[in-house]
Amino acid sequence: MSSPVEAAIRGAVTKGIMGVAHFNRAHRKSSKQNPYLTGIHTPLTAEQTITDLKVTGTIPPALNGLYLRNGPNPFEAPNPATHHWFSGDGMLHGMRLQNGEALWYRNRWVRSTAINAALGEPATPGPKSSFESPNTNVVAFGGKIWALVEAGGLPVEVSDLLETRTRSDFEGLLSKGFAAHPHLDPLTGETHAICYNAMEPATIWHTVITADGAVRRHEPISVQDGPSIHDCMITKNYVIVMDLPVTFSMPALIAGDSFPYRWNPKHAARIGLLPREGRGDEIIWCSVEPCYIFHPANAFETDDGKVVMDACVHTDMFADGHFGPNTSSTAFESLEIDPVARRVTRTVIDASPQEFPRPDERRLGQPYRYAYTLALPAHGDPGFVGDPRLFKHDLGARTREVHDFGEGHMPGEFVFVPAHATAEEDEGWLIGYVADIARGTTDFVILDARNFAGPPVATITIPGRIPPGFHGNWVALP
């Protein structure tokens, strides 16, 4: 534990470094166009509520609830030379369905102090946060809906009308921030997350939140270099921790980059199996070839004691460029983690570039059969999007189906919603937004998971462009 003098020195140094970083962020110039501020990524400038929506097809009456998606949308114009896709203010996009009707679409910024002031609104209650407008995910747990971000930002509670309610550190237990990708264990009702803070490079935390919304575990785990751990996964006995070679970069911070993480080949790649109730020093670290994983689809344990995790795996990440993700190649892989040999064996399921894998989340942490992913352009794209296809992977038969929305259409992440509580694993719908670039509109699309390549069950047209975002979820409502 550091002394008060050490803490004071560290605080003064940090304040000085941040001052230089803010100055450089404001004054740096570049001749390159920022791809995340133009074209399909051009930020929206207004909030809307639209109730007169065109519906093609038939909305399944069982889909009673709210689809929410979060993504970056700067409220004020940032410096194009230093803006990173991951750093824009969060904007929620919601579609409310009820009894076979589309009641409304609306979009709302997640309120920060600056946004509150600009709109003449009272300040959002709750403790201060390093990132006040979470922009990465929106998840329901503990009876509330939360907008989320990683690296030290606090969760922000929002209403089912997308209104910002409060920031929360869960009574001080999450004062150093939460995570972008918590995972609900369908067998226990608890939510698990791996959390990190950009200013705490030597520690990450395994956090467990009970079904009624209380933090019951916040276990520290020692790391080095400040790794960026975007997601995690669970199995019956373990929490899977991905400590991979994307780490905090002090030179990038000082230069003014708004997302100061870079590929670090000196950082040993490893995946950890932490016993669910184990101490941080009981984690089983297993070596893996250098790579980066934003998102696993699912994981489960085998009869012989190994762990299998399926994920979209990048050969590298943030090795070049300052504006957003960039990678040499990506594939959908199966990673077999051996806690005895302490090694990871990687097998390619599908070599096509793809991301945003989602399963039927009732099977999370258990053996499963189907995963759904978003295709990525084969030769890279400055916007990290651009392929009009979704994939359905049958992991039992090792086959792939394709849904092609057609040239000029840009889907985002799609989420599986089961048709009813006891539905079979692919008995239900896939839902998500698809931008029509030529028309400047966006469709909310409902696909039949069992007729994946077929025409949509229903399409709800939103008369405007929704920029590509990150993650969303279905929230069932009465």
Protein backbone atom coordinates (compact mmCIF):
# COMPACT_ATOMS: atom_id res chain seq x y z
CA MET A 1 0.00 0.00 0.00
CA SER A 2 1.40 3.41 -0.92
CA SER A 3 2.04 6.08 1.67
CA PRO A 4 0.16 9.44 1.63
CA VAL A 5 3.34 11.08 0.30
CA GLU A 6 3.63 8.55 -2.53
CA ALA A 7 -0.05 9.02 -3.36
CA ALA A 8 0.36 12.80 -3.44
CA ILE A 9 3.39 12.59 -5.75
CA ARG A 10 1.60 10.17 -8.06
CA GLY A 11 -1.44 12.46 -8.12
CA ALA A 12 0.66 15.51 -9.02
CA VAL A 13 2.47 13.65 -11.79
CA THR A 14 -0.81 12.30 -13.17
CA LYS A 15 -2.35 15.78 -13.12
CA GLY A 16 0.63 17.17 -15.05
CA ILE A 17 0.55 14.39 -17.65
CA MET A 18 -3.18 14.82 -18.15
CA GLY A 19 -2.70 18.55 -18.63
CA VAL A 20 -0.20 17.93 -21.43
CA ALA A 21 -2.50 15.29 -22.96
CA HIS A 22 -5.50 17.63 -22.97
CA PHE A 23 -3.45 20.40 -24.58
CA ASN A 24 -2.16 18.10 -27.31
CA ARG A 25 -5.61 16.64 -27.88
CA ALA A 26 -6.99 20.12 -28.54
CA HIS A 27 -4.13 21.41 -30.68
CA ARG A 28 -2.85 18.45 -32.71
CA LYS A 29 -3.53 18.63 -36.43
CA SER A 30 -3.67 16.00 -39.16
CA SER A 31 -4.05 16.01 -42.93
CA LYS A 32 -5.94 12.69 -42.77
CA GLN A 33 -9.74 12.57 -42.72
CA ASN A 34 -11.14 10.89 -39.64
CA PRO A 35 -13.34 8.01 -40.92
CA TYR A 36 -15.40 8.00 -37.72
CA LEU A 37 -16.67 11.55 -38.21
CA THR A 38 -17.75 11.30 -41.85
CA GLY A 39 -20.03 9.25 -44.10
CA ILE A 40 -22.10 6.62 -42.32
CA HIS A 41 -20.30 7.54 -39.07
CA THR A 42 -21.22 11.24 -39.19
CA PRO A 43 -22.58 12.01 -35.68
CA LEU A 44 -26.27 12.78 -35.30
CA THR A 45 -27.05 16.27 -34.02
CA ALA A 46 -30.55 15.83 -32.59
CA GLU A 47 -32.73 13.53 -30.52
CA GLN A 48 -35.96 12.22 -32.01
CA THR A 49 -39.08 10.29 -31.07
CA ILE A 50 -40.86 8.76 -34.07
CA THR A 51 -44.19 6.99 -33.64
CA ASP A 52 -45.37 6.73 -37.25
CA LEU A 53 -43.17 3.90 -38.48
CA LYS A 54 -43.58 1.94 -41.70
CA VAL A 55 -43.80 -1.82 -41.08
CA THR A 56 -43.25 -4.39 -43.82
CA GLY A 57 -44.26 -7.93 -42.89
CA THR A 58 -45.64 -9.00 -39.52
CA ILE A 59 -44.05 -8.25 -36.16
CA PRO A 60 -44.27 -11.39 -33.96
CA PRO A 61 -46.76 -10.63 -31.15
CA ALA A 62 -44.48 -12.41 -28.68
CA LEU A 63 -41.86 -9.67 -29.09
CA ASN A 64 -43.10 -7.43 -26.28
CA GLY A 65 -40.30 -5.21 -25.10
CA LEU A 66 -37.53 -2.84 -25.99
CA TYR A 67 -34.46 -3.28 -28.19
CA LEU A 68 -31.71 -0.92 -27.11
CA ARG A 69 -28.34 -0.28 -28.72
CA ASN A 70 -25.52 1.98 -27.58
CA GLY A 71 -22.76 3.61 -29.60
CA PRO A 72 -20.46 6.65 -29.82
CA ASN A 73 -21.98 9.91 -31.03
CA PRO A 74 -20.01 13.02 -29.99
CA PHE A 75 -22.31 15.75 -28.68
CA GLU A 76 -19.84 18.47 -29.65
CA ALA A 77 -17.46 18.30 -32.61
CA PRO A 78 -14.15 16.75 -31.48
CA ASN A 79 -10.71 17.39 -32.94
CA PRO A 80 -10.59 15.10 -36.02
CA ALA A 81 -6.84 14.60 -35.54
CA THR A 82 -7.22 12.94 -32.14
CA HIS A 83 -10.78 11.60 -32.09
CA HIS A 84 -11.09 7.83 -31.68
CA TRP A 85 -14.28 5.92 -32.47
CA PHE A 86 -14.34 4.51 -28.94
CA SER A 87 -14.32 7.92 -27.24
CA GLY A 88 -17.53 9.61 -28.44
CA ASP A 89 -20.45 10.36 -26.10
CA GLY A 90 -22.92 7.49 -25.81
CA MET A 91 -26.18 7.61 -27.74
CA LEU A 92 -28.95 5.07 -27.19
CA HIS A 93 -31.24 3.95 -30.02
CA GLY A 94 -34.43 2.20 -28.93
CA MET A 95 -37.26 0.35 -30.69
CA ARG A 96 -40.38 -0.40 -28.62
CA LEU A 97 -42.52 -3.34 -29.74
CA GLN A 98 -45.87 -4.32 -28.22
CA ASN A 99 -48.55 -6.79 -29.34
CA GLY A 100 -47.35 -6.91 -32.93
CA GLU A 101 -46.90 -3.16 -33.29
CA ALA A 102 -43.93 -0.81 -33.44
CA LEU A 103 -44.86 1.83 -30.85
CA TRP A 104 -41.85 4.08 -31.30
CA TYR A 105 -38.22 4.62 -32.16
CA ARG A 106 -36.23 7.14 -30.18
CA ASN A 107 -32.61 8.16 -29.67
CA ARG A 108 -31.12 9.87 -26.62
CA TRP A 109 -27.64 10.86 -25.51
CA VAL A 110 -26.51 9.36 -22.24
CA ARG A 111 -26.21 12.55 -20.22
CA SER A 112 -22.86 13.87 -19.05
CA THR A 113 -22.22 17.06 -17.09
CA ALA A 114 -21.37 18.88 -20.34
CA ILE A 115 -24.47 17.58 -22.15
CA ASN A 116 -26.71 18.48 -19.20
CA ALA A 117 -25.29 22.01 -19.18
CA ALA A 118 -25.60 22.46 -22.95
CA LEU A 119 -29.25 21.34 -22.88
CA GLY A 120 -30.10 23.43 -19.82
CA GLU A 121 -30.92 20.38 -17.73
CA PRO A 122 -30.20 19.61 -14.07
CA ALA A 123 -26.98 17.70 -13.52
CA THR A 124 -27.26 13.92 -13.53
CA PRO A 125 -27.10 12.72 -9.92
CA GLY A 126 -24.45 10.29 -8.72
CA PRO A 127 -20.68 10.22 -8.19
CA LYS A 128 -18.16 11.62 -10.64
CA SER A 129 -16.90 9.35 -13.39
CA SER A 130 -13.89 9.36 -15.71
CA PHE A 131 -16.26 8.74 -18.63
CA GLU A 132 -19.68 10.24 -17.89
CA SER A 133 -21.48 9.23 -21.10
CA PRO A 134 -21.00 5.44 -21.46
CA ASN A 135 -21.00 4.51 -25.15
CA THR A 136 -20.37 0.78 -25.48
CA ASN A 137 -23.23 -1.39 -24.23
CA VAL A 138 -26.66 -1.20 -22.65
CA VAL A 139 -27.69 -4.10 -20.43
CA ALA A 140 -30.48 -4.96 -18.00
CA PHE A 141 -29.51 -6.54 -14.68
CA GLY A 142 -30.62 -6.17 -11.09
CA GLY A 143 -34.02 -4.89 -12.23
CA LYS A 144 -32.56 -1.80 -13.97
CA ILE A 145 -31.18 -0.82 -17.38
CA TRP A 146 -27.55 0.36 -17.49
CA ALA A 147 -25.45 2.15 -20.11
CA LEU A 148 -21.91 0.81 -19.81
CA VAL A 149 -18.31 1.55 -20.75
CA GLU A 150 -14.97 0.11 -19.64
CA ALA A 151 -11.61 1.47 -18.44
CA GLY A 152 -12.96 3.23 -15.34
CA GLY A 153 -16.31 4.70 -16.36
CA LEU A 154 -19.26 4.20 -14.02
CA PRO A 155 -22.56 2.57 -15.04
CA VAL A 156 -25.39 4.99 -15.82
CA GLU A 157 -28.96 3.93 -15.14
CA VAL A 158 -31.46 4.77 -17.89
CA SER A 159 -35.22 4.36 -18.10
CA ASP A 160 -37.21 2.31 -20.60
CA LEU A 161 -37.79 5.64 -22.38
CA LEU A 162 -33.99 6.07 -22.72
CA GLU A 163 -33.86 8.88 -20.16
CA THR A 164 -30.70 9.18 -18.06
CA ARG A 165 -31.46 8.65 -14.37
CA THR A 166 -28.25 8.44 -12.34
CA ARG A 167 -24.60 7.40 -12.29
CA SER A 168 -23.82 4.70 -9.77
CA ASP A 169 -20.74 3.20 -8.14
CA PHE A 170 -22.93 0.68 -6.27
CA GLU A 171 -22.41 2.32 -2.87
CA GLY A 172 -18.71 2.79 -3.46
CA LEU A 173 -17.99 -0.85 -4.27
CA LEU A 174 -17.35 -0.05 -7.95
CA SER A 175 -15.66 3.31 -7.43
CA LYS A 176 -12.94 2.45 -9.96
CA GLY A 177 -15.48 1.66 -12.67
CA PHE A 178 -17.28 -1.32 -14.12
CA ALA A 179 -17.10 -3.11 -17.52
CA ALA A 180 -18.59 -2.94 -21.00
CA HIS A 181 -19.48 -6.63 -21.13
CA PRO A 182 -21.00 -8.14 -18.01
CA HIS A 183 -22.53 -11.59 -18.50
CA LEU A 184 -25.65 -12.95 -16.84
CA ASP A 185 -25.35 -16.55 -15.72
CA PRO A 186 -28.73 -18.05 -16.68
CA LEU A 187 -28.31 -20.82 -14.09
CA THR A 188 -27.68 -18.57 -11.06
CA GLY A 189 -29.15 -15.19 -12.02
CA GLU A 190 -25.86 -13.47 -11.11
CA THR A 191 -23.94 -11.13 -13.40
CA HIS A 192 -20.15 -11.51 -13.85
CA ALA A 193 -17.67 -8.97 -15.21
CA ILE A 194 -13.95 -8.35 -15.50
CA CYS A 195 -13.26 -4.69 -14.79
CA TYR A 196 -10.20 -2.53 -15.38
CA ASN A 197 -9.26 1.10 -14.87
CA ALA A 198 -6.88 3.02 -17.13
CA MET A 199 -5.24 4.61 -14.08
CA GLU A 200 -4.70 1.26 -12.28
CA PRO A 201 -2.31 -0.64 -14.61
CA ALA A 202 -1.43 -3.39 -12.10
CA THR A 203 -4.92 -4.56 -11.11
CA ILE A 204 -8.13 -5.82 -12.67
CA TRP A 205 -11.20 -7.10 -10.82
CA HIS A 206 -13.69 -9.95 -11.03
CA THR A 207 -17.04 -8.49 -10.06
CA VAL A 208 -20.25 -10.38 -9.30
CA ILE A 209 -23.63 -8.67 -8.99
CA THR A 210 -26.55 -10.57 -7.49
CA ALA A 211 -29.95 -10.93 -9.14
CA ASP A 212 -31.30 -8.12 -6.96
CA GLY A 213 -28.52 -5.72 -8.01
CA ALA A 214 -26.03 -5.90 -5.12
CA VAL A 215 -22.27 -6.27 -5.56
CA ARG A 216 -21.27 -9.39 -3.60
CA ARG A 217 -17.74 -9.89 -4.97
CA HIS A 218 -15.04 -7.54 -6.27
CA GLU A 219 -11.88 -9.63 -6.32
CA PRO A 220 -8.56 -8.04 -7.41
CA ILE A 221 -6.27 -9.83 -9.86
CA SER A 222 -2.67 -8.73 -10.46
CA VAL A 223 -1.61 -7.88 -14.04
CA GLN A 224 1.09 -5.83 -15.76
CA ASP A 225 1.15 -2.98 -18.29
CA GLY A 226 -2.52 -2.00 -17.99
CA PRO A 227 -4.16 -4.44 -20.44
CA SER A 228 -7.35 -3.53 -22.27
CA ILE A 229 -9.80 -6.31 -21.38
CA HIS A 230 -12.93 -5.59 -23.35
CA ASP A 231 -14.92 -8.73 -22.53
CA CYS A 232 -14.84 -11.94 -20.52
CA MET A 233 -16.73 -15.23 -20.44
CA ILE A 234 -17.99 -17.69 -17.84
CA THR A 235 -18.31 -21.46 -17.49
CA LYS A 236 -19.73 -23.61 -14.71
CA ASN A 237 -16.59 -23.31 -12.56
CA TYR A 238 -14.54 -20.48 -14.07
CA VAL A 239 -14.45 -16.89 -15.19
CA ILE A 240 -12.28 -16.52 -18.30
CA VAL A 241 -9.86 -13.56 -18.27
CA MET A 242 -8.19 -12.46 -21.52
CA ASP A 243 -4.89 -10.69 -20.81
CA LEU A 244 -3.70 -9.98 -24.37
CA PRO A 245 -1.14 -7.63 -25.97
CA VAL A 246 -3.19 -4.44 -26.17
CA THR A 247 -2.04 -2.27 -23.26
CA PHE A 248 -2.09 1.29 -22.01
CA SER A 249 0.33 3.53 -23.94
CA MET A 250 1.73 6.55 -22.12
CA PRO A 251 3.21 8.02 -25.36
CA ALA A 252 -0.22 7.80 -27.01
CA LEU A 253 -1.84 9.52 -24.00
CA ILE A 254 0.72 12.33 -23.93
CA ALA A 255 0.35 12.81 -27.70
CA GLY A 256 -3.34 13.51 -27.12
CA ASP A 257 -4.92 10.31 -28.40
CA SER A 258 -8.37 9.95 -26.85
CA PHE A 259 -8.03 6.14 -26.70
CA PRO A 260 -4.43 5.55 -25.51
CA TYR A 261 -4.14 1.78 -26.04
CA ARG A 262 -1.78 0.13 -28.51
CA TRP A 263 -0.59 -3.29 -29.64
CA ASN A 264 2.29 -4.25 -27.33
CA PRO A 265 4.32 -7.25 -28.61
CA LYS A 266 6.38 -7.25 -25.39
CA HIS A 267 3.29 -8.10 -23.34
CA ALA A 268 2.91 -11.88 -22.98
CA ALA A 269 -0.44 -13.15 -24.28
CA ARG A 270 -2.32 -15.34 -21.81
CA ILE A 271 -5.81 -16.46 -20.92
CA GLY A 272 -6.72 -17.02 -17.30
CA LEU A 273 -9.17 -19.42 -15.68
CA LEU A 274 -10.26 -17.91 -12.37
CA PRO A 275 -12.27 -20.19 -10.08
CA ARG A 276 -15.56 -18.38 -9.59
CA GLU A 277 -15.06 -17.98 -5.86
CA GLY A 278 -11.25 -18.13 -5.94
CA ARG A 279 -8.75 -15.51 -4.87
CA GLY A 280 -7.09 -13.47 -7.57
CA ASP A 281 -3.79 -15.26 -6.98
CA GLU A 282 -5.50 -18.61 -7.68
CA ILE A 283 -6.08 -17.79 -11.34
CA ILE A 284 -4.66 -20.39 -13.75
CA TRP A 285 -2.79 -18.53 -16.48
CA CYS A 286 -2.43 -20.33 -19.82
CA SER A 287 -0.14 -19.15 -22.61
CA VAL A 288 -1.61 -18.36 -26.02
CA GLU A 289 -0.15 -17.16 -29.30
CA PRO A 290 -0.24 -13.35 -29.54
CA CYS A 291 -3.70 -12.21 -30.65
CA TYR A 292 -6.53 -9.98 -29.51
CA ILE A 293 -10.13 -10.83 -28.69
CA PHE A 294 -12.84 -8.23 -28.31
CA HIS A 295 -15.71 -10.70 -28.07
CA PRO A 296 -16.16 -14.38 -27.25
CA ALA A 297 -19.40 -16.05 -28.30
CA ASN A 298 -19.60 -18.56 -25.44
CA ALA A 299 -17.56 -21.05 -23.43
CA PHE A 300 -18.09 -24.36 -21.66
CA GLU A 301 -16.20 -27.12 -19.88
CA THR A 302 -15.48 -30.55 -21.38
CA ASP A 303 -15.68 -33.92 -19.65
CA ASP A 304 -11.88 -34.15 -19.48
CA GLY A 305 -11.50 -30.87 -17.57
CA LYS A 306 -10.64 -28.51 -20.41
CA VAL A 307 -12.44 -25.28 -21.29
CA VAL A 308 -13.59 -24.44 -24.83
CA MET A 309 -14.18 -20.80 -25.77
CA ASP A 310 -15.38 -19.73 -29.22
CA ALA A 311 -14.44 -16.18 -30.19
CA CYS A 312 -13.65 -13.77 -32.99
CA VAL A 313 -9.85 -13.60 -32.88
CA HIS A 314 -7.70 -10.83 -34.38
CA THR A 315 -4.05 -11.39 -35.24
CA ASP A 316 -3.30 -7.96 -33.73
CA MET A 317 -5.15 -4.75 -32.85
CA PHE A 318 -4.36 -1.00 -32.69
CA ALA A 319 -0.93 -1.68 -34.18
CA ASP A 320 -1.33 1.13 -36.70
CA GLY A 321 -3.50 4.21 -36.82
CA HIS A 322 -5.18 6.31 -34.16
CA PHE A 323 -8.84 6.54 -35.13
CA GLY A 324 -10.31 3.09 -34.53
CA PRO A 325 -9.77 -0.67 -34.69
CA ASN A 326 -7.34 -2.05 -37.23
CA THR A 327 -6.13 -5.60 -37.60
CA SER A 328 -4.15 -7.75 -40.01
CA SER A 329 -6.85 -10.44 -40.09
CA THR A 330 -9.76 -11.87 -38.12
CA ALA A 331 -11.36 -15.32 -37.91
CA PHE A 332 -13.94 -17.16 -35.85
CA GLU A 333 -11.99 -19.64 -33.74
CA SER A 334 -12.39 -22.28 -31.06
CA LEU A 335 -9.84 -22.00 -28.25
CA GLU A 336 -9.27 -25.08 -26.09
CA ILE A 337 -7.83 -24.01 -22.73
CA ASP A 338 -5.99 -26.72 -20.80
CA PRO A 339 -5.63 -25.78 -17.11
CA VAL A 340 -3.23 -28.69 -16.46
CA ALA A 341 -0.80 -28.08 -19.34
CA ARG A 342 -1.47 -24.31 -19.02
CA ARG A 343 -1.71 -23.77 -22.75
CA VAL A 344 -4.31 -22.78 -25.32
CA THR A 345 -4.88 -24.59 -28.63
CA ARG A 346 -6.52 -22.53 -31.36
CA THR A 347 -8.62 -24.03 -34.17
CA VAL A 348 -10.21 -21.97 -36.94
CA ILE A 349 -13.96 -22.52 -37.28
CA ASP A 350 -14.40 -20.00 -40.12
CA ALA A 351 -11.58 -18.00 -41.67
CA SER A 352 -13.85 -15.24 -42.99
CA PRO A 353 -13.42 -11.90 -41.19
CA GLN A 354 -16.25 -11.41 -38.69
CA GLU A 355 -17.12 -9.89 -35.34
CA PHE A 356 -19.88 -9.32 -32.74
CA PRO A 357 -20.63 -13.01 -32.01
CA ARG A 358 -23.84 -13.71 -30.11
CA PRO A 359 -25.34 -17.03 -28.96
CA ASP A 360 -28.68 -17.91 -27.43
CA GLU A 361 -27.71 -16.49 -24.05
CA ARG A 362 -29.84 -19.00 -22.17
CA ARG A 363 -26.91 -21.35 -23.01
CA LEU A 364 -24.18 -19.04 -21.69
CA GLY A 365 -21.44 -20.99 -19.93
CA GLN A 366 -22.84 -24.31 -21.15
CA PRO A 367 -22.45 -26.49 -24.26
CA TYR A 368 -24.30 -24.85 -27.13
CA ARG A 369 -24.80 -25.21 -30.87
CA TYR A 370 -25.44 -21.89 -32.63
CA ALA A 371 -23.56 -18.60 -32.87
CA TYR A 372 -24.42 -15.55 -34.97
CA THR A 373 -21.79 -13.12 -36.25
CA LEU A 374 -21.44 -10.00 -38.39
CA ALA A 375 -19.28 -10.28 -41.52
CA LEU A 376 -16.44 -7.78 -41.94
CA PRO A 377 -14.91 -6.55 -45.21
CA ALA A 378 -12.26 -8.97 -46.45
CA HIS A 379 -9.60 -6.31 -47.06
CA GLY A 380 -10.28 -4.03 -44.16
CA ASP A 381 -12.35 -0.88 -44.06
CA PRO A 382 -11.56 2.49 -42.45
CA GLY A 383 -14.94 2.34 -40.74
CA PHE A 384 -14.50 -1.29 -39.61
CA VAL A 385 -17.88 -2.04 -41.25
CA GLY A 386 -19.18 -2.50 -44.79
CA ASP A 387 -20.06 -6.14 -45.49
CA PRO A 388 -23.85 -6.66 -45.88
CA ARG A 389 -23.93 -10.21 -44.43
CA LEU A 390 -24.68 -12.01 -41.20
CA PHE A 391 -23.48 -15.56 -40.47
CA LYS A 392 -25.21 -18.35 -38.57
CA HIS A 393 -22.76 -21.00 -37.37
CA ASP A 394 -23.97 -24.50 -36.57
CA LEU A 395 -21.12 -25.57 -34.32
CA GLY A 396 -22.36 -29.14 -34.12
CA ALA A 397 -22.51 -29.72 -37.87
CA ARG A 398 -19.67 -27.22 -38.55
CA THR A 399 -21.74 -25.47 -41.22
CA ARG A 400 -22.46 -21.83 -41.96
CA GLU A 401 -25.56 -20.10 -43.29
CA VAL A 402 -25.53 -16.57 -44.71
CA HIS A 403 -28.10 -13.80 -44.65
CA ASP A 404 -27.19 -11.15 -47.24
CA PHE A 405 -28.97 -7.81 -46.92
CA GLY A 406 -27.68 -6.71 -50.32
CA GLU A 407 -25.19 -4.18 -51.59
CA GLY A 408 -25.41 -0.80 -49.90
CA HIS A 409 -26.89 -2.18 -46.69
CA MET A 410 -24.87 -2.17 -43.49
CA PRO A 411 -26.02 -4.37 -40.59
CA GLY A 412 -24.77 -4.07 -37.05
CA GLU A 413 -24.70 -6.63 -34.26
CA PHE A 414 -27.83 -8.83 -34.18
CA VAL A 415 -29.26 -10.30 -30.98
CA PHE A 416 -31.10 -13.61 -30.59
CA VAL A 417 -34.47 -13.55 -28.79
CA PRO A 418 -36.10 -16.92 -28.00
CA ALA A 419 -39.70 -17.37 -29.13
CA HIS A 420 -40.75 -18.41 -25.60
CA ALA A 421 -39.21 -19.53 -22.33
CA THR A 422 -38.84 -23.18 -23.33
CA ALA A 423 -37.94 -22.59 -26.99
CA GLU A 424 -35.22 -24.70 -28.57
CA GLU A 425 -31.83 -23.10 -29.11
CA ASP A 426 -32.52 -21.55 -32.52
CA GLU A 427 -36.28 -21.22 -32.11
CA GLY A 428 -36.74 -17.48 -32.13
CA TRP A 429 -35.69 -14.28 -33.86
CA LEU A 430 -32.60 -12.25 -34.62
CA ILE A 431 -33.08 -8.51 -34.32
CA GLY A 432 -30.92 -5.49 -35.15
CA TYR A 433 -30.44 -2.33 -37.19
CA VAL A 434 -29.47 -2.26 -40.87
CA ALA A 435 -28.51 1.04 -42.52
CA ASP A 436 -29.56 1.70 -46.12
CA ILE A 437 -26.74 3.92 -47.29
CA ALA A 438 -28.29 5.11 -50.56
CA ARG A 439 -31.66 6.04 -49.02
CA GLY A 440 -30.21 7.46 -45.81
CA THR A 441 -32.64 5.39 -43.75
CA THR A 442 -32.32 2.57 -41.25
CA ASP A 443 -34.36 -0.62 -40.93
CA PHE A 444 -35.00 -2.49 -37.73
CA VAL A 445 -35.01 -6.05 -39.02
CA ILE A 446 -36.52 -9.21 -37.51
CA LEU A 447 -35.20 -12.49 -38.92
CA ASP A 448 -36.47 -16.01 -38.26
CA ALA A 449 -33.43 -17.82 -36.86
CA ARG A 450 -34.62 -21.11 -38.41
CA ASN A 451 -35.08 -19.50 -41.83
CA PHE A 452 -31.91 -17.51 -41.52
CA ALA A 453 -31.18 -16.98 -45.21
CA GLY A 454 -34.81 -16.21 -46.01
CA PRO A 455 -36.58 -12.85 -46.14
CA PRO A 456 -37.15 -10.93 -42.90
CA VAL A 457 -40.23 -11.68 -40.84
CA ALA A 458 -40.67 -7.93 -40.47
CA THR A 459 -38.85 -4.72 -41.33
CA ILE A 460 -39.54 -1.45 -39.52
CA THR A 461 -38.23 1.58 -41.41
CA ILE A 462 -36.77 4.51 -39.48
CA PRO A 463 -36.68 7.65 -41.70
CA GLY A 464 -33.10 8.55 -40.85
CA ARG A 465 -29.57 7.24 -40.56
CA ILE A 466 -28.38 5.48 -37.42
CA PRO A 467 -24.56 5.49 -37.32
CA PRO A 468 -22.85 2.14 -36.71
CA GLY A 469 -22.72 1.53 -33.00
CA PHE A 470 -21.53 -1.18 -30.72
CA HIS A 471 -23.74 -3.36 -28.56
CA GLY A 472 -27.38 -3.78 -27.72
CA ASN A 473 -29.80 -6.07 -25.98
CA TRP A 474 -33.45 -7.02 -25.86
CA VAL A 475 -35.31 -6.05 -22.68
CA ALA A 476 -38.61 -7.89 -22.25
CA LEU A 477 -41.39 -5.64 -20.92
CA PRO A 478 -45.01 -6.27 -19.98
